[in-house]
C-alpha atoms as a PDB file:
ATOM      1  CA  MET A   1      -6.295   9.611 -14.823  1.00  0.00           C
ATOM      2  CA  ASP A   2      -4.825   6.173 -15.525  1.00  0.00           C
ATOM      3  CA  VAL A   3      -1.233   6.371 -14.252  1.00  0.00           C
ATOM      4  CA  ARG A   4      -0.022   4.624 -17.417  1.00  0.00           C
ATOM      5  CA  GLN A   5      -1.404   7.402 -19.603  1.00  0.00           C
ATOM      6  CA  GLU A   6      -0.102  10.039 -17.222  1.00  0.00           C
ATOM      7  CA  PHE A   7       3.357   8.450 -17.390  1.00  0.00           C
ATOM      8  CA  ARG A   8       3.287   8.251 -21.194  1.00  0.00           C
ATOM      9  CA  GLY A   9       2.543  11.947 -21.546  1.00  0.00           C
ATOM     10  CA  ALA A  10       5.092  13.096 -18.955  1.00  0.00           C
ATOM     11  CA  ALA A  11       7.842  10.815 -20.295  1.00  0.00           C
ATOM     12  CA  ARG A  12       7.330  12.013 -23.875  1.00  0.00           C
ATOM     13  CA  GLU A  13       7.695  15.613 -22.698  1.00  0.00           C
ATOM     14  CA  LYS A  14      11.027  14.653 -21.073  1.00  0.00           C
ATOM     15  CA  GLY A  15      12.269  13.077 -24.308  1.00  0.00           C
ATOM     16  CA  VAL A  16      12.232   9.448 -23.183  1.00  0.00           C
ATOM     17  CA  PRO A  17      12.311   7.169 -26.261  1.00  0.00           C
ATOM     18  CA  VAL A  18       8.913   5.707 -27.124  1.00  0.00           C
ATOM     19  CA  ASP A  19      10.144   2.106 -26.924  1.00  0.00           C
ATOM     20  CA  GLU A  20      11.441   2.703 -23.386  1.00  0.00           C
ATOM     21  CA  ILE A  21       8.158   4.337 -22.401  1.00  0.00           C
ATOM     22  CA  GLU A  22       6.146   1.380 -23.644  1.00  0.00           C
ATOM     23  CA  ARG A  23       8.499  -1.112 -22.046  1.00  0.00           C
ATOM     24  CA  ARG A  24       7.959   0.586 -18.686  1.00  0.00           C
ATOM     25  CA  VAL A  25       4.194   0.697 -19.186  1.00  0.00           C
ATOM     26  CA  ARG A  26       4.169  -3.055 -19.862  1.00  0.00           C
ATOM     27  CA  LEU A  27       5.617  -3.516 -16.356  1.00  0.00           C
ATOM     28  CA  ALA A  28       2.539  -1.927 -14.770  1.00  0.00           C
ATOM     29  CA  ARG A  29       0.935  -4.095 -12.105  1.00  0.00           C
ATOM     30  CA  PRO A  30      -2.733  -3.996 -11.175  1.00  0.00           C
ATOM     31  CA  GLN A  31      -3.584  -2.727  -7.725  1.00  0.00           C
ATOM     32  CA  THR A  32      -6.750  -2.015  -5.806  1.00  0.00           C
ATOM     33  CA  GLU A  33      -7.028   1.556  -4.578  1.00  0.00           C
ATOM     34  CA  LEU A  34      -9.244   2.139  -1.547  1.00  0.00           C
ATOM     35  CA  VAL A  35     -10.936   5.508  -1.167  1.00  0.00           C
ATOM     36  CA  PRO A  36     -13.392   6.928   1.410  1.00  0.00           C
ATOM     37  CA  GLU A  37     -15.774   8.282  -1.210  1.00  0.00           C
ATOM     38  CA  GLY A  38     -16.762   6.194  -4.197  1.00  0.00           C
ATOM     39  CA  ASP A  39     -19.986   6.699  -6.136  1.00  0.00           C
ATOM     40  CA  GLY A  40     -21.104   3.247  -7.152  1.00  0.00           C
ATOM     41  CA  LEU A  41     -17.887   1.586  -5.978  1.00  0.00           C
ATOM     42  CA  PRO A  42     -18.224  -1.391  -3.621  1.00  0.00           C
ATOM     43  CA  VAL A  43     -17.329  -1.041   0.041  1.00  0.00           C
ATOM     44  CA  ALA A  44     -14.343  -3.374   0.398  1.00  0.00           C
ATOM     45  CA  GLY A  45     -12.719  -2.357   3.638  1.00  0.00           C
ATOM     46  CA  ARG A  46     -12.401  -0.048   6.591  1.00  0.00           C
ATOM     47  CA  PHE A  47      -9.724   2.110   8.095  1.00  0.00           C
ATOM     48  CA  GLY A  48      -9.365   1.968  11.884  1.00  0.00           C
ATOM     49  CA  GLY A  49     -12.095   0.931  14.277  1.00  0.00           C
ATOM     50  CA  LEU A  50     -12.133  -2.100  16.552  1.00  0.00           C
ATOM     51  CA  ALA A  51     -10.982  -5.521  15.389  1.00  0.00           C
ATOM     52  CA  ALA A  52     -13.500  -8.331  14.838  1.00  0.00           C
ATOM     53  CA  LEU A  53     -11.515 -11.510  15.551  1.00  0.00           C
ATOM     54  CA  PRO A  54     -12.271 -15.240  15.819  1.00  0.00           C
ATOM     55  CA  GLU A  55     -12.498 -16.940  19.195  1.00  0.00           C
ATOM     56  CA  GLY A  56      -9.017 -17.515  20.607  1.00  0.00           C
ATOM     57  CA  GLU A  57      -7.385 -14.876  18.379  1.00  0.00           C
ATOM     58  CA  GLU A  58      -5.914 -12.102  20.514  1.00  0.00           C
ATOM     59  CA  TRP A  59      -5.474  -8.486  19.448  1.00  0.00           C
ATOM     60  CA  PRO A  60      -1.727  -8.187  18.690  1.00  0.00           C
ATOM     61  CA  PRO A  61      -0.142  -6.547  21.777  1.00  0.00           C
ATOM     62  CA  GLY A  62       0.845  -2.907  21.340  1.00  0.00           C
ATOM     63  CA  GLN A  63      -0.451  -2.653  17.777  1.00  0.00           C
ATOM     64  CA  SER A  64      -3.232  -0.586  16.227  1.00  0.00           C
ATOM     65  CA  LEU A  65      -5.663  -1.767  13.579  1.00  0.00           C
ATOM     66  CA  VAL A  66      -5.180   0.346  10.463  1.00  0.00           C
ATOM     67  CA  LEU A  67      -6.966  -1.610   7.743  1.00  0.00           C
ATOM     68  CA  THR A  68      -9.583  -4.341   7.363  1.00  0.00           C
ATOM     69  CA  LEU A  69     -10.204  -5.780   3.887  1.00  0.00           C
ATOM     70  CA  ASP A  70     -13.152  -7.823   2.645  1.00  0.00           C
ATOM     71  CA  LEU A  71     -11.435  -9.978   0.040  1.00  0.00           C
ATOM     72  CA  ALA A  72     -14.694 -10.966  -1.666  1.00  0.00           C
ATOM     73  CA  ALA A  73     -15.355  -7.284  -2.468  1.00  0.00           C
ATOM     74  CA  ILE A  74     -11.953  -6.664  -4.064  1.00  0.00           C
ATOM     75  CA  PRO A  75     -12.168  -6.393  -7.887  1.00  0.00           C
ATOM     76  CA  SER A  76     -11.076  -9.682  -9.477  1.00  0.00           C
ATOM     77  CA  HIS A  77      -8.686  -7.797 -11.781  1.00  0.00           C
ATOM     78  CA  GLY A  78      -7.562  -5.455  -9.003  1.00  0.00           C
ATOM     79  CA  HIS A  79      -4.282  -7.193  -8.141  1.00  0.00           C
ATOM     80  CA  ASP A  80      -1.921  -9.968  -9.230  1.00  0.00           C
ATOM     81  CA  LEU A  81      -1.379 -11.463  -5.768  1.00  0.00           C
ATOM     82  CA  ASP A  82      -2.023 -15.071  -4.781  1.00  0.00           C
ATOM     83  CA  LEU A  83      -4.698 -14.166  -2.242  1.00  0.00           C
ATOM     84  CA  PRO A  84      -7.769 -16.004  -0.969  1.00  0.00           C
ATOM     85  CA  THR A  85     -10.891 -14.927  -2.833  1.00  0.00           C
ATOM     86  CA  ASP A  86     -12.971 -14.405   0.298  1.00  0.00           C
ATOM     87  CA  GLY A  87     -12.653 -13.837   4.018  1.00  0.00           C
ATOM     88  CA  SER A  88     -11.019 -10.838   5.665  1.00  0.00           C
ATOM     89  CA  LEU A  89      -7.510  -9.529   6.215  1.00  0.00           C
ATOM     90  CA  LEU A  90      -6.838  -7.324   9.248  1.00  0.00           C
ATOM     91  CA  PHE A  91      -3.666  -5.222   9.221  1.00  0.00           C
ATOM     92  CA  PHE A  92      -2.105  -4.189  12.529  1.00  0.00           C
ATOM     93  CA  VAL A  93       0.965  -2.029  13.066  1.00  0.00           C
ATOM     94  CA  GLU A  94       2.898  -0.630  16.010  1.00  0.00           C
ATOM     95  CA  PRO A  95       2.005   3.075  16.445  1.00  0.00           C
ATOM     96  CA  ASP A  96       5.475   4.591  16.264  1.00  0.00           C
ATOM     97  CA  PHE A  97       7.457   7.049  14.132  1.00  0.00           C
ATOM     98  CA  THR A  98       9.531   4.094  12.889  1.00  0.00           C
ATOM     99  CA  PRO A  99       7.300   1.049  13.443  1.00  0.00           C
ATOM    100  CA  ASN A 100       8.762  -2.449  13.455  1.00  0.00           C
ATOM    101  CA  ASP A 101       6.029  -4.683  14.840  1.00  0.00           C
ATOM    102  CA  CYS A 102       3.159  -5.673  12.585  1.00  0.00           C
ATOM    103  CA  ARG A 103       0.646  -8.439  12.115  1.00  0.00           C
ATOM    104  CA  ILE A 104      -1.871  -9.569   9.535  1.00  0.00           C
ATOM    105  CA  VAL A 105      -4.748 -11.763  10.638  1.00  0.00           C
ATOM    106  CA  HIS A 106      -6.595 -13.768   7.983  1.00  0.00           C
ATOM    107  CA  VAL A 107     -10.179 -14.611   8.936  1.00  0.00           C
ATOM    108  CA  PRO A 108     -11.617 -17.260   6.562  1.00  0.00           C
ATOM    109  CA  ALA A 109     -15.113 -16.641   5.219  1.00  0.00           C
ATOM    110  CA  GLY A 110     -17.870 -17.848   7.531  1.00  0.00           C
ATOM    111  CA  THR A 111     -15.714 -17.791  10.669  1.00  0.00           C
ATOM    112  CA  PRO A 112     -17.635 -16.415  13.688  1.00  0.00           C
ATOM    113  CA  VAL A 113     -15.982 -13.245  15.002  1.00  0.00           C
ATOM    114  CA  THR A 114     -16.409 -10.949  17.986  1.00  0.00           C
ATOM    115  CA  GLU A 115     -15.513  -7.264  18.113  1.00  0.00           C
ATOM    116  CA  HIS A 116     -12.774  -6.817  20.695  1.00  0.00           C
ATOM    117  CA  PRO A 117     -12.789  -3.950  23.191  1.00  0.00           C
ATOM    118  CA  ASN A 118      -9.980  -1.399  23.072  1.00  0.00           C
ATOM    119  CA  PRO A 119      -6.856  -3.202  24.342  1.00  0.00           C
ATOM    120  CA  GLY A 120      -5.117   0.013  25.401  1.00  0.00           C
ATOM    121  CA  VAL A 121      -3.663   1.101  22.050  1.00  0.00           C
ATOM    122  CA  PRO A 122      -4.684   4.000  19.802  1.00  0.00           C
ATOM    123  CA  VAL A 123      -7.948   3.140  18.047  1.00  0.00           C
ATOM    124  CA  PHE A 124      -8.695   5.364  15.070  1.00  0.00           C
ATOM    125  CA  GLY A 125     -12.095   6.568  13.943  1.00  0.00           C
ATOM    126  CA  PRO A 126     -13.481   4.065  11.430  1.00  0.00           C
ATOM    127  CA  ILE A 127     -13.774   5.101   7.784  1.00  0.00           C
ATOM    128  CA  LEU A 128     -15.434   2.864   5.188  1.00  0.00           C
ATOM    129  CA  LEU A 129     -13.307   2.343   2.087  1.00  0.00           C
ATOM    130  CA  HIS A 130     -14.480   1.770  -1.481  1.00  0.00           C
ATOM    131  CA  ALA A 131     -12.479  -0.315  -3.960  1.00  0.00           C
ATOM    132  CA  ARG A 132     -11.481   0.604  -7.486  1.00  0.00           C
ATOM    133  CA  ALA A 133      -9.052  -1.082  -9.850  1.00  0.00           C
ATOM    134  CA  GLY A 134      -5.914   0.884 -10.724  1.00  0.00           C
ATOM    135  CA  TRP A 135      -2.332   0.460 -11.870  1.00  0.00           C
ATOM    136  CA  SER A 136       1.110   0.810 -10.327  1.00  0.00           C
ATOM    137  CA  LEU A 137       4.395   1.469 -12.141  1.00  0.00           C
ATOM    138  CA  PRO A 138       7.917   0.607 -10.953  1.00  0.00           C
ATOM    139  CA  GLU A 139      10.349   3.425 -10.247  1.00  0.00           C
ATOM    140  CA  ASN A 140      13.564   1.375 -10.075  1.00  0.00           C
ATOM    141  CA  GLU A 141      15.003  -1.652 -11.851  1.00  0.00           C
ATOM    142  CA  HIS A 142      15.212  -3.738  -8.674  1.00  0.00           C
ATOM    143  CA  GLU A 143      11.427  -3.673  -8.385  1.00  0.00           C
ATOM    144  CA  VAL A 144      11.033  -6.071 -11.336  1.00  0.00           C
ATOM    145  CA  PRO A 145      12.263  -9.693 -11.524  1.00  0.00           C
ATOM    146  CA  PHE A 146      14.697  -9.225 -14.412  1.00  0.00           C
ATOM    147  CA  ASP A 147      17.370  -6.854 -15.685  1.00  0.00           C
ATOM    148  CA  LEU A 148      15.895  -3.986 -17.693  1.00  0.00           C
ATOM    149  CA  ARG A 149      19.322  -3.070 -19.091  1.00  0.00           C
ATOM    150  CA  LEU A 150      18.417   0.602 -19.120  1.00  0.00           C
ATOM    151  CA  ASP A 151      20.821   3.348 -20.035  1.00  0.00           C
ATOM    152  CA  ASP A 152      21.738   5.213 -16.821  1.00  0.00           C
ATOM    153  CA  GLU A 153      20.605   8.540 -18.249  1.00  0.00           C
ATOM    154  CA  VAL A 154      17.254   7.125 -19.359  1.00  0.00           C
ATOM    155  CA  GLU A 155      16.765   5.519 -15.944  1.00  0.00           C
ATOM    156  CA  GLU A 156      17.468   8.853 -14.256  1.00  0.00           C
ATOM    157  CA  VAL A 157      14.949  10.683 -16.436  1.00  0.00           C
ATOM    158  CA  ILE A 158      12.312   8.012 -15.841  1.00  0.00           C
ATOM    159  CA  GLY A 159      12.925   8.402 -12.110  1.00  0.00           C
ATOM    160  CA  GLU A 160      12.304  12.144 -12.430  1.00  0.00           C
ATOM    161  CA  VAL A 161       9.098  11.501 -14.357  1.00  0.00           C
ATOM    162  CA  MET A 162       7.844   9.086 -11.716  1.00  0.00           C
ATOM    163  CA  TRP A 163       8.658  11.545  -8.931  1.00  0.00           C
ATOM    164  CA  ASP A 164       6.774  14.343 -10.684  1.00  0.00           C
ATOM    165  CA  LEU A 165       3.618  12.364 -11.386  1.00  0.00           C
ATOM    166  CA  GLU A 166       0.491  13.676  -9.743  1.00  0.00           C
ATOM    167  CA  ASP A 167       0.080  12.709  -6.090  1.00  0.00           C
ATOM    168  CA  ASN A 168      -2.126   9.738  -5.291  1.00  0.00           C
ATOM    169  CA  ASP A 169      -5.740  10.503  -4.473  1.00  0.00           C
ATOM    170  CA  TYR A 170      -5.942   7.339  -2.357  1.00  0.00           C
ATOM    171  CA  GLU A 171      -4.332   6.437   0.976  1.00  0.00           C
ATOM    172  CA  PHE A 172      -4.713   2.652   0.959  1.00  0.00           C
ATOM    173  CA  SER A 173      -3.823   0.122  -1.726  1.00  0.00           C
ATOM    174  CA  LEU A 174      -3.626  -3.632  -2.207  1.00  0.00           C
ATOM    175  CA  GLY A 175      -0.820  -4.993  -4.382  1.00  0.00           C
ATOM    176  CA  GLY A 176       1.227  -2.963  -6.834  1.00  0.00           C
ATOM    177  CA  TYR A 177       4.747  -1.691  -6.202  1.00  0.00           C
ATOM    178  CA  GLY A 178       4.044   0.083  -2.923  1.00  0.00           C
ATOM    179  CA  GLY A 179       5.058   3.591  -1.941  1.00  0.00           C
ATOM    180  CA  ALA A 180       7.823   5.742  -0.494  1.00  0.00           C
ATOM    181  CA  SER A 181       8.036   9.336   0.693  1.00  0.00           C
ATOM    182  CA  THR A 182      10.830  11.871   1.220  1.00  0.00           C
ATOM    183  CA  GLY A 183      12.489  10.385   4.315  1.00  0.00           C
ATOM    184  CA  GLY A 184      15.225   8.667   2.321  1.00  0.00           C
ATOM    185  CA  ALA A 185      13.954   5.087   2.310  1.00  0.00           C
ATOM    186  CA  ASP A 186      14.197   3.064  -0.884  1.00  0.00           C
ATOM    187  CA  ASN A 187      11.206   1.716  -2.737  1.00  0.00           C
ATOM    188  CA  PRO A 188       9.921  -1.273  -0.780  1.00  0.00           C
ATOM    189  CA  ILE A 189      10.575  -4.093  -3.266  1.00  0.00           C
ATOM    190  CA  LEU A 190      14.297  -4.849  -3.083  1.00  0.00           C
ATOM    191  CA  ASN A 191      14.203  -8.346  -4.638  1.00  0.00           C
ATOM    192  CA  ALA A 192      11.175  -8.900  -6.854  1.00  0.00           C
ATOM    193  CA  ASN A 193      11.943 -12.595  -7.281  1.00  0.00           C
ATOM    194  CA  GLU A 194      11.648 -13.131  -3.526  1.00  0.00           C
ATOM    195  CA  HIS A 195       9.010 -10.810  -2.108  1.00  0.00           C
ATOM    196  CA  THR A 196       6.267  -8.343  -2.907  1.00  0.00           C
ATOM    197  CA  VAL A 197       4.083  -5.622  -1.413  1.00  0.00           C
ATOM    198  CA  LEU A 198       0.858  -6.952   0.035  1.00  0.00           C
ATOM    199  CA  ALA A 199      -0.673  -3.610   0.994  1.00  0.00           C
ATOM    200  CA  THR A 200       0.337   0.022   1.484  1.00  0.00           C
ATOM    201  CA  VAL A 201      -1.127   2.486   3.967  1.00  0.00           C
ATOM    202  CA  TRP A 202      -0.454   6.239   4.054  1.00  0.00           C
ATOM    203  CA  LEU A 203      -1.126   7.647   7.536  1.00  0.00           C
ATOM    204  CA  ASP A 204      -1.299  11.342   8.394  1.00  0.00           C
ATOM    205  CA  GLU A 205      -2.299  13.496  11.361  1.00  0.00           C
ATOM    206  CA  GLY A 206      -5.847  13.828  10.099  1.00  0.00           C
ATOM    207  CA  GLN A 207      -6.355  10.083  10.520  1.00  0.00           C
ATOM    208  CA  VAL A 208      -4.105   9.101  13.419  1.00  0.00           C
ATOM    209  CA  GLY A 209      -3.269  12.298  15.330  1.00  0.00           C
ATOM    210  CA  ASP A 210       0.210  12.080  16.832  1.00  0.00           C
ATOM    211  CA  ALA A 211       0.219   8.267  17.188  1.00  0.00           C
ATOM    212  CA  PHE A 212       2.851   7.963  14.462  1.00  0.00           C
ATOM    213  CA  GLY A 213       4.867  11.070  15.232  1.00  0.00           C
ATOM    214  CA  GLU A 214       2.895  13.949  13.713  1.00  0.00           C
ATOM    215  CA  THR A 215       4.032  13.367  10.145  1.00  0.00           C
ATOM    216  CA  LEU A 216       2.942  11.481   7.056  1.00  0.00           C
ATOM    217  CA  ILE A 217       4.165   7.898   7.267  1.00  0.00           C
ATOM    218  CA  VAL A 218       4.020   5.282   4.513  1.00  0.00           C
ATOM    219  CA  VAL A 219       3.668   1.686   5.712  1.00  0.00           C
ATOM    220  CA  ASN A 220       4.248  -1.154   3.236  1.00  0.00           C
ATOM    221  CA  PHE A 221       3.282  -4.639   4.414  1.00  0.00           C
ATOM    222  CA  MET A 222       5.746  -7.030   2.759  1.00  0.00           C
ATOM    223  CA  ILE A 223       5.589 -10.790   2.233  1.00  0.00           C
ATOM    224  CA  LYS A 224       7.628 -13.460   0.455  1.00  0.00           C
ATOM    225  CA  HIS A 225       5.947 -15.109  -2.530  1.00  0.00           C
ATOM    226  CA  ALA A 226       6.379 -18.547  -0.937  1.00  0.00           C
ATOM    227  CA  ASP A 227       4.821 -17.393   2.342  1.00  0.00           C
ATOM    228  CA  LEU A 228       1.871 -15.856   0.531  1.00  0.00           C
ATOM    229  CA  ALA A 229       1.268 -19.133  -1.304  1.00  0.00           C
ATOM    230  CA  GLU A 230       1.230 -20.906   2.074  1.00  0.00           C
ATOM    231  CA  ARG A 231      -1.063 -18.225   3.583  1.00  0.00           C
ATOM    232  CA  ALA A 232       1.681 -17.620   6.153  1.00  0.00           C
ATOM    233  CA  PHE A 233       0.551 -14.087   6.984  1.00  0.00           C
ATOM    234  CA  ASP A 234       2.425 -14.258  10.291  1.00  0.00           C
ATOM    235  CA  ARG A 235       5.710 -13.889   8.375  1.00  0.00           C
ATOM    236  CA  ILE A 236       5.152 -10.378   7.068  1.00  0.00           C
ATOM    237  CA  TRP A 237       7.425  -7.410   7.716  1.00  0.00           C
ATOM    238  CA  LEU A 238       7.355  -3.653   7.158  1.00  0.00           C
ATOM    239  CA  MET A 239       9.085  -1.241   4.821  1.00  0.00           C
ATOM    240  CA  THR A 240       8.279   2.300   5.940  1.00  0.00           C
ATOM    241  CA  ASP A 241       9.124   5.874   5.033  1.00  0.00           C
ATOM    242  CA  PHE A 242       8.017   9.311   6.175  1.00  0.00           C
ATOM    243  CA  ASN A 243       7.940  12.921   5.041  1.00  0.00           C
ATOM    244  CA  GLY A 244      11.502  14.053   5.735  1.00  0.00           C
END
């Protein structure tokens, strides 16, 4: 179900005023959701596997490849990010319960690449990912670039509604507001005027074994708007959470 419709129904049941419901829905951001099974959906990426990198580009030391995206296969309406329209993005992250180190490598379209051998880090079984366009809603006021001026009680109820919405049926997404779990971390966007979520990856034991501490971990790859405009993917950082 479209998360906007799901939110409308759940918020009405909680007594949230209609105008506040619609105001929140208007803040929805497009995101691309990547799923392992997708009848008729284009293959737009891959979880895990070995990294195919240009000549002279080293595998980031001590980091595992968790996501490769084919930007040309991403739906044109599937995000609101200032991204290249083709080429690949490779997402690396330190395999740790609380990872700090990360790297994104942008490979422009047409660049010759070579698959690197395992550099001595966990390499996860590759899974092809299919792209579909979806929507993401903010949970907190600081996730949007202006003051919502919400009544505290209304904001609390909306937070409850968002928490109770049906769990995602995807584990990888591009754009949107990102994700959090139950470990106590805040939602990843702390200053919407300055930075945004580039991609979010949910990792569990079924995918990565004990490489990340035998629990579900949510990894948000963050970037400043100015750095994204400059294609400065080396300036990313992580906001993470886990099942606590």
